[in-house]
Amino acid sequence: MTNLTTELARLEHQIVQADAETRHLYQPQLRRMMERLAAESETIPARTKRLHEELLCQAIEAQFDNMPI
């Protein structure tokens, strides 16, 4: 296991343990980690891609939750 994959596992664990209301705040950090993996020609696991998609959707939803009506 490379250092990057160890960091990724640690980050994924933090995200899973995070409060559902604030999980989406990890999206930029996860995106950067995925970019680092790609730059090093490492395979990005499917579970990581799914998690990133989920966080991205949550981040977009959170933007609309804060819009005044």
PDB file of N, CA and C in Angstrom:
ATOM      1  N   MET A   1       0.856  -1.179   0.000  1.00  0.00           N
ATOM      2  CA  MET A   1       0.000   0.000   0.000  1.00  0.00           C
ATOM      3  C   MET A   1       0.899   1.237   0.000  1.00  0.00           C
ATOM      4  N   THR A   2       0.655   2.127  -0.950  1.00  0.00           N
ATOM      5  CA  THR A   2       1.472   3.331  -1.044  1.00  0.00           C
ATOM      6  C   THR A   2       1.034   4.349  -0.001  1.00  0.00           C
ATOM      7  N   ASN A   3       1.853   5.354   0.161  1.00  0.00           N
ATOM      8  CA  ASN A   3       1.546   6.419   1.106  1.00  0.00           C
ATOM      9  C   ASN A   3       0.236   7.121   0.737  1.00  0.00           C
ATOM     10  N   LEU A   4       0.027   7.346  -0.556  1.00  0.00           N
ATOM     11  CA  LEU A   4      -1.205   8.004  -0.997  1.00  0.00           C
ATOM     12  C   LEU A   4      -2.441   7.154  -0.696  1.00  0.00           C
ATOM     13  N   THR A   5      -2.339   5.858  -0.907  1.00  0.00           N
ATOM     14  CA  THR A   5      -3.500   5.013  -0.626  1.00  0.00           C
ATOM     15  C   THR A   5      -3.769   4.942   0.872  1.00  0.00           C
ATOM     16  N   THR A   6      -2.712   5.032   1.677  1.00  0.00           N
ATOM     17  CA  THR A   6      -2.899   5.080   3.128  1.00  0.00           C
ATOM     18  C   THR A   6      -3.598   6.377   3.517  1.00  0.00           C
ATOM     19  N   GLU A   7      -3.166   7.488   2.929  1.00  0.00           N
ATOM     20  CA  GLU A   7      -3.814   8.782   3.183  1.00  0.00           C
ATOM     21  C   GLU A   7      -5.273   8.744   2.739  1.00  0.00           C
ATOM     22  N   LEU A   8      -5.524   8.131   1.590  1.00  0.00           N
ATOM     23  CA  LEU A   8      -6.887   8.031   1.079  1.00  0.00           C
ATOM     24  C   LEU A   8      -7.760   7.229   2.038  1.00  0.00           C
ATOM     25  N   ALA A   9      -7.256   6.117   2.521  1.00  0.00           N
ATOM     26  CA  ALA A   9      -8.019   5.292   3.462  1.00  0.00           C
ATOM     27  C   ALA A   9      -8.336   6.080   4.728  1.00  0.00           C
ATOM     28  N   ARG A  10      -7.368   6.844   5.204  1.00  0.00           N
ATOM     29  CA  ARG A  10      -7.580   7.663   6.400  1.00  0.00           C
ATOM     30  C   ARG A  10      -8.665   8.715   6.154  1.00  0.00           C
ATOM     31  N   LEU A  11      -8.594   9.380   4.991  1.00  0.00           N
ATOM     32  CA  LEU A  11      -9.577  10.407   4.646  1.00  0.00           C
ATOM     33  C   LEU A  11     -10.966   9.803   4.505  1.00  0.00           C
ATOM     34  N   GLU A  12     -11.066   8.666   3.827  1.00  0.00           N
ATOM     35  CA  GLU A  12     -12.367   8.014   3.665  1.00  0.00           C
ATOM     36  C   GLU A  12     -12.951   7.652   5.031  1.00  0.00           C
ATOM     37  N   HIS A  13     -12.115   7.194   5.939  1.00  0.00           N
ATOM     38  CA  HIS A  13     -12.584   6.858   7.285  1.00  0.00           C
ATOM     39  C   HIS A  13     -13.118   8.107   7.989  1.00  0.00           C
ATOM     40  N   GLN A  14     -12.407   9.231   7.871  1.00  0.00           N
ATOM     41  CA  GLN A  14     -12.872  10.482   8.471  1.00  0.00           C
ATOM     42  C   GLN A  14     -14.227  10.882   7.905  1.00  0.00           C
ATOM     43  N   ILE A  15     -14.386  10.737   6.602  1.00  0.00           N
ATOM     44  CA  ILE A  15     -15.638  11.122   5.949  1.00  0.00           C
ATOM     45  C   ILE A  15     -16.783  10.256   6.441  1.00  0.00           C
ATOM     46  N   VAL A  16     -16.557   8.955   6.505  1.00  0.00           N
ATOM     47  CA  VAL A  16     -17.597   8.029   6.949  1.00  0.00           C
ATOM     48  C   VAL A  16     -18.007   8.323   8.395  1.00  0.00           C
ATOM     49  N   GLN A  17     -17.043   8.718   9.220  1.00  0.00           N
ATOM     50  CA  GLN A  17     -17.314   8.996  10.625  1.00  0.00           C
ATOM     51  C   GLN A  17     -17.903  10.389  10.859  1.00  0.00           C
ATOM     52  N   ALA A  18     -17.841  11.249   9.858  1.00  0.00           N
ATOM     53  CA  ALA A  18     -18.302  12.635  10.003  1.00  0.00           C
ATOM     54  C   ALA A  18     -19.819  12.714  10.134  1.00  0.00           C
ATOM     55  N   ASP A  19     -20.254  13.794  10.731  1.00  0.00           N
ATOM     56  CA  ASP A  19     -21.675  14.089  10.874  1.00  0.00           C
ATOM     57  C   ASP A  19     -22.300  14.245   9.484  1.00  0.00           C
ATOM     58  N   ALA A  20     -23.468  13.690   9.310  1.00  0.00           N
ATOM     59  CA  ALA A  20     -24.148  13.715   8.007  1.00  0.00           C
ATOM     60  C   ALA A  20     -24.362  15.142   7.489  1.00  0.00           C
ATOM     61  N   GLU A  21     -24.522  16.090   8.400  1.00  0.00           N
ATOM     62  CA  GLU A  21     -24.770  17.478   8.003  1.00  0.00           C
ATOM     63  C   GLU A  21     -23.518  18.177   7.479  1.00  0.00           C
ATOM     64  N   THR A  22     -22.343  17.661   7.828  1.00  0.00           N
ATOM     65  CA  THR A  22     -21.106  18.346   7.440  1.00  0.00           C
ATOM     66  C   THR A  22     -20.188  17.500   6.559  1.00  0.00           C
ATOM     67  N   ARG A  23     -20.598  16.302   6.221  1.00  0.00           N
ATOM     68  CA  ARG A  23     -19.755  15.420   5.399  1.00  0.00           C
ATOM     69  C   ARG A  23     -19.338  16.068   4.091  1.00  0.00           C
ATOM     70  N   HIS A  24     -20.256  16.825   3.508  1.00  0.00           N
ATOM     71  CA  HIS A  24     -19.976  17.420   2.198  1.00  0.00           C
ATOM     72  C   HIS A  24     -18.778  18.378   2.234  1.00  0.00           C
ATOM     73  N   LEU A  25     -18.398  18.850   3.407  1.00  0.00           N
ATOM     74  CA  LEU A  25     -17.263  19.764   3.518  1.00  0.00           C
ATOM     75  C   LEU A  25     -15.937  19.074   3.185  1.00  0.00           C
ATOM     76  N   TYR A  26     -15.926  17.760   3.168  1.00  0.00           N
ATOM     77  CA  TYR A  26     -14.735  16.999   2.807  1.00  0.00           C
ATOM     78  C   TYR A  26     -14.566  16.857   1.290  1.00  0.00           C
ATOM     79  N   GLN A  27     -15.556  17.258   0.520  1.00  0.00           N
ATOM     80  CA  GLN A  27     -15.523  17.064  -0.930  1.00  0.00           C
ATOM     81  C   GLN A  27     -14.286  17.670  -1.586  1.00  0.00           C
ATOM     82  N   PRO A  28     -13.926  18.922  -1.286  1.00  0.00           N
ATOM     83  CA  PRO A  28     -12.725  19.466  -1.942  1.00  0.00           C
ATOM     84  C   PRO A  28     -11.453  18.692  -1.578  1.00  0.00           C
ATOM     85  N   GLN A  29     -11.356  18.261  -0.339  1.00  0.00           N
ATOM     86  CA  GLN A  29     -10.187  17.503   0.099  1.00  0.00           C
ATOM     87  C   GLN A  29     -10.119  16.150  -0.613  1.00  0.00           C
ATOM     88  N   LEU A  30     -11.258  15.494  -0.760  1.00  0.00           N
ATOM     89  CA  LEU A  30     -11.288  14.216  -1.460  1.00  0.00           C
ATOM     90  C   LEU A  30     -10.961  14.409  -2.939  1.00  0.00           C
ATOM     91  N   ARG A  31     -11.469  15.473  -3.545  1.00  0.00           N
ATOM     92  CA  ARG A  31     -11.162  15.763  -4.949  1.00  0.00           C
ATOM     93  C   ARG A  31      -9.662  15.955  -5.145  1.00  0.00           C
ATOM     94  N   ARG A  32      -9.024  16.717  -4.249  1.00  0.00           N
ATOM     95  CA  ARG A  32      -7.582  16.927  -4.347  1.00  0.00           C
ATOM     96  C   ARG A  32      -6.822  15.607  -4.203  1.00  0.00           C
ATOM     97  N   MET A  33      -7.288  14.754  -3.299  1.00  0.00           N
ATOM     98  CA  MET A  33      -6.641  13.453  -3.113  1.00  0.00           C
ATOM     99  C   MET A  33      -6.759  12.625  -4.393  1.00  0.00           C
ATOM    100  N   MET A  34      -7.929  12.653  -5.030  1.00  0.00           N
ATOM    101  CA  MET A  34      -8.124  11.925  -6.276  1.00  0.00           C
ATOM    102  C   MET A  34      -7.215  12.484  -7.373  1.00  0.00           C
ATOM    103  N   GLU A  35      -7.037  13.798  -7.411  1.00  0.00           N
ATOM    104  CA  GLU A  35      -6.146  14.419  -8.390  1.00  0.00           C
ATOM    105  C   GLU A  35      -4.704  13.984  -8.159  1.00  0.00           C
ATOM    106  N   ARG A  36      -4.296  13.901  -6.895  1.00  0.00           N
ATOM    107  CA  ARG A  36      -2.944  13.446  -6.572  1.00  0.00           C
ATOM    108  C   ARG A  36      -2.737  11.997  -7.006  1.00  0.00           C
ATOM    109  N   LEU A  37      -3.736  11.160  -6.761  1.00  0.00           N
ATOM    110  CA  LEU A  37      -3.648   9.763  -7.182  1.00  0.00           C
ATOM    111  C   LEU A  37      -3.500   9.667  -8.700  1.00  0.00           C
ATOM    112  N   ALA A  38      -4.319  10.423  -9.411  1.00  0.00           N
ATOM    113  CA  ALA A  38      -4.259  10.401 -10.876  1.00  0.00           C
ATOM    114  C   ALA A  38      -2.906  10.899 -11.373  1.00  0.00           C
ATOM    115  N   ALA A  39      -2.360  11.927 -10.733  1.00  0.00           N
ATOM    116  CA  ALA A  39      -1.060  12.467 -11.135  1.00  0.00           C
ATOM    117  C   ALA A  39       0.065  11.445 -10.941  1.00  0.00           C
ATOM    118  N   GLU A  40      -0.112  10.572  -9.969  1.00  0.00           N
ATOM    119  CA  GLU A  40       0.878   9.528  -9.690  1.00  0.00           C
ATOM    120  C   GLU A  40       0.557   8.229 -10.435  1.00  0.00           C
ATOM    121  N   SER A  41      -0.401   8.285 -11.343  1.00  0.00           N
ATOM    122  CA  SER A  41      -0.851   7.125 -12.121  1.00  0.00           C
ATOM    123  C   SER A  41      -1.352   5.982 -11.240  1.00  0.00           C
ATOM    124  N   GLU A  42      -1.916   6.349 -10.089  1.00  0.00           N
ATOM    125  CA  GLU A  42      -2.522   5.362  -9.191  1.00  0.00           C
ATOM    126  C   GLU A  42      -3.975   5.166  -9.620  1.00  0.00           C
ATOM    127  N   THR A  43      -4.482   3.980  -9.415  1.00  0.00           N
ATOM    128  CA  THR A  43      -5.881   3.698  -9.710  1.00  0.00           C
ATOM    129  C   THR A  43      -6.755   4.294  -8.618  1.00  0.00           C
ATOM    130  N   ILE A  44      -7.792   4.995  -9.040  1.00  0.00           N
ATOM    131  CA  ILE A  44      -8.751   5.548  -8.080  1.00  0.00           C
ATOM    132  C   ILE A  44      -9.846   4.503  -7.899  1.00  0.00           C
ATOM    133  N   PRO A  45      -9.997   4.004  -6.671  1.00  0.00           N
ATOM    134  CA  PRO A  45     -10.998   2.955  -6.442  1.00  0.00           C
ATOM    135  C   PRO A  45     -12.422   3.442  -6.764  1.00  0.00           C
ATOM    136  N   ALA A  46     -13.246   2.527  -7.222  1.00  0.00           N
ATOM    137  CA  ALA A  46     -14.637   2.848  -7.553  1.00  0.00           C
ATOM    138  C   ALA A  46     -15.371   3.394  -6.332  1.00  0.00           C
ATOM    139  N   ARG A  47     -15.077   2.843  -5.137  1.00  0.00           N
ATOM    140  CA  ARG A  47     -15.747   3.312  -3.920  1.00  0.00           C
ATOM    141  C   ARG A  47     -15.411   4.775  -3.655  1.00  0.00           C
ATOM    142  N   THR A  48     -14.185   5.185  -4.003  1.00  0.00           N
ATOM    143  CA  THR A  48     -13.774   6.578  -3.804  1.00  0.00           C
ATOM    144  C   THR A  48     -14.512   7.481  -4.777  1.00  0.00           C
ATOM    145  N   LYS A  49     -14.652   7.031  -6.008  1.00  0.00           N
ATOM    146  CA  LYS A  49     -15.394   7.814  -7.002  1.00  0.00           C
ATOM    147  C   LYS A  49     -16.856   7.970  -6.580  1.00  0.00           C
ATOM    148  N   ARG A  50     -17.449   6.889  -6.068  1.00  0.00           N
ATOM    149  CA  ARG A  50     -18.848   6.949  -5.606  1.00  0.00           C
ATOM    150  C   ARG A  50     -18.975   7.900  -4.416  1.00  0.00           C
ATOM    151  N   LEU A  51     -18.029   7.814  -3.487  1.00  0.00           N
ATOM    152  CA  LEU A  51     -18.053   8.690  -2.318  1.00  0.00           C
ATOM    153  C   LEU A  51     -17.920  10.141  -2.742  1.00  0.00           C
ATOM    154  N   HIS A  52     -17.041  10.415  -3.694  1.00  0.00           N
ATOM    155  CA  HIS A  52     -16.867  11.787  -4.172  1.00  0.00           C
ATOM    156  C   HIS A  52     -18.151  12.294  -4.823  1.00  0.00           C
ATOM    157  N   GLU A  53     -18.784  11.458  -5.619  1.00  0.00           N
ATOM    158  CA  GLU A  53     -20.046  11.844  -6.263  1.00  0.00           C
ATOM    159  C   GLU A  53     -21.113  12.151  -5.212  1.00  0.00           C
ATOM    160  N   GLU A  54     -21.180  11.325  -4.196  1.00  0.00           N
ATOM    161  CA  GLU A  54     -22.142  11.529  -3.117  1.00  0.00           C
ATOM    162  C   GLU A  54     -21.881  12.853  -2.392  1.00  0.00           C
ATOM    163  N   LEU A  55     -20.616  13.117  -2.086  1.00  0.00           N
ATOM    164  CA  LEU A  55     -20.272  14.362  -1.394  1.00  0.00           C
ATOM    165  C   LEU A  55     -20.545  15.576  -2.277  1.00  0.00           C
ATOM    166  N   LEU A  56     -20.289  15.449  -3.559  1.00  0.00           N
ATOM    167  CA  LEU A  56     -20.552  16.546  -4.485  1.00  0.00           C
ATOM    168  C   LEU A  56     -22.047  16.858  -4.528  1.00  0.00           C
ATOM    169  N   CYS A  57     -22.868  15.831  -4.590  1.00  0.00           N
ATOM    170  CA  CYS A  57     -24.325  16.030  -4.578  1.00  0.00           C
ATOM    171  C   CYS A  57     -24.771  16.681  -3.279  1.00  0.00           C
ATOM    172  N   GLN A  58     -24.200  16.244  -2.172  1.00  0.00           N
ATOM    173  CA  GLN A  58     -24.546  16.826  -0.870  1.00  0.00           C
ATOM    174  C   GLN A  58     -24.117  18.286  -0.792  1.00  0.00           C
ATOM    175  N   ALA A  59     -22.958  18.607  -1.355  1.00  0.00           N
ATOM    176  CA  ALA A  59     -22.474  19.986  -1.346  1.00  0.00           C
ATOM    177  C   ALA A  59     -23.398  20.883  -2.166  1.00  0.00           C
ATOM    178  N   ILE A  60     -23.837  20.402  -3.305  1.00  0.00           N
ATOM    179  CA  ILE A  60     -24.763  21.175  -4.139  1.00  0.00           C
ATOM    180  C   ILE A  60     -26.090  21.361  -3.399  1.00  0.00           C
ATOM    181  N   GLU A  61     -26.578  20.300  -2.797  1.00  0.00           N
ATOM    182  CA  GLU A  61     -27.829  20.374  -2.031  1.00  0.00           C
ATOM    183  C   GLU A  61     -27.700  21.368  -0.882  1.00  0.00           C
ATOM    184  N   ALA A  62     -26.560  21.377  -0.213  1.00  0.00           N
ATOM    185  CA  ALA A  62     -26.347  22.289   0.923  1.00  0.00           C
ATOM    186  C   ALA A  62     -26.389  23.740   0.458  1.00  0.00           C
ATOM    187  N   GLN A  63     -25.941  24.023  -0.756  1.00  0.00           N
ATOM    188  CA  GLN A  63     -26.005  25.386  -1.274  1.00  0.00           C
ATOM    189  C   GLN A  63     -27.445  25.845  -1.391  1.00  0.00           C
ATOM    190  N   PHE A  64     -28.334  24.951  -1.833  1.00  0.00           N
ATOM    191  CA  PHE A  64     -29.736  25.315  -1.981  1.00  0.00           C
ATOM    192  C   PHE A  64     -30.446  25.397  -0.649  1.00  0.00           C
ATOM    193  N   ASP A  65     -29.983  24.641   0.335  1.00  0.00           N
ATOM    194  CA  ASP A  65     -30.587  24.703   1.667  1.00  0.00           C
ATOM    195  C   ASP A  65     -30.394  26.065   2.301  1.00  0.00           C
ATOM    196  N   ASN A  66     -29.360  26.789   1.906  1.00  0.00           N
ATOM    197  CA  ASN A  66     -29.051  28.077   2.509  1.00  0.00           C
ATOM    198  C   ASN A  66     -29.601  29.265   1.714  1.00  0.00           C
ATOM    199  N   MET A  67     -30.347  28.994   0.663  1.00  0.00           N
ATOM    200  CA  MET A  67     -30.898  30.086  -0.151  1.00  0.00           C
ATOM    201  C   MET A  67     -32.152  30.651   0.513  1.00  0.00           C
ATOM    202  N   PRO A  68     -32.229  31.966   0.592  1.00  0.00           N
ATOM    203  CA  PRO A  68     -33.448  32.570   1.144  1.00  0.00           C
ATOM    204  C   PRO A  68     -34.610  32.423   0.169  1.00  0.00           C
ATOM    205  N   ILE A  69     -35.769  32.304   0.733  1.00  0.00           N
ATOM    206  CA  ILE A  69     -36.973  32.141  -0.105  1.00  0.00           C
ATOM    207  C   ILE A  69     -37.766  33.426  -0.103  1.00  0.00           C
TER     208      ILE A  69
END
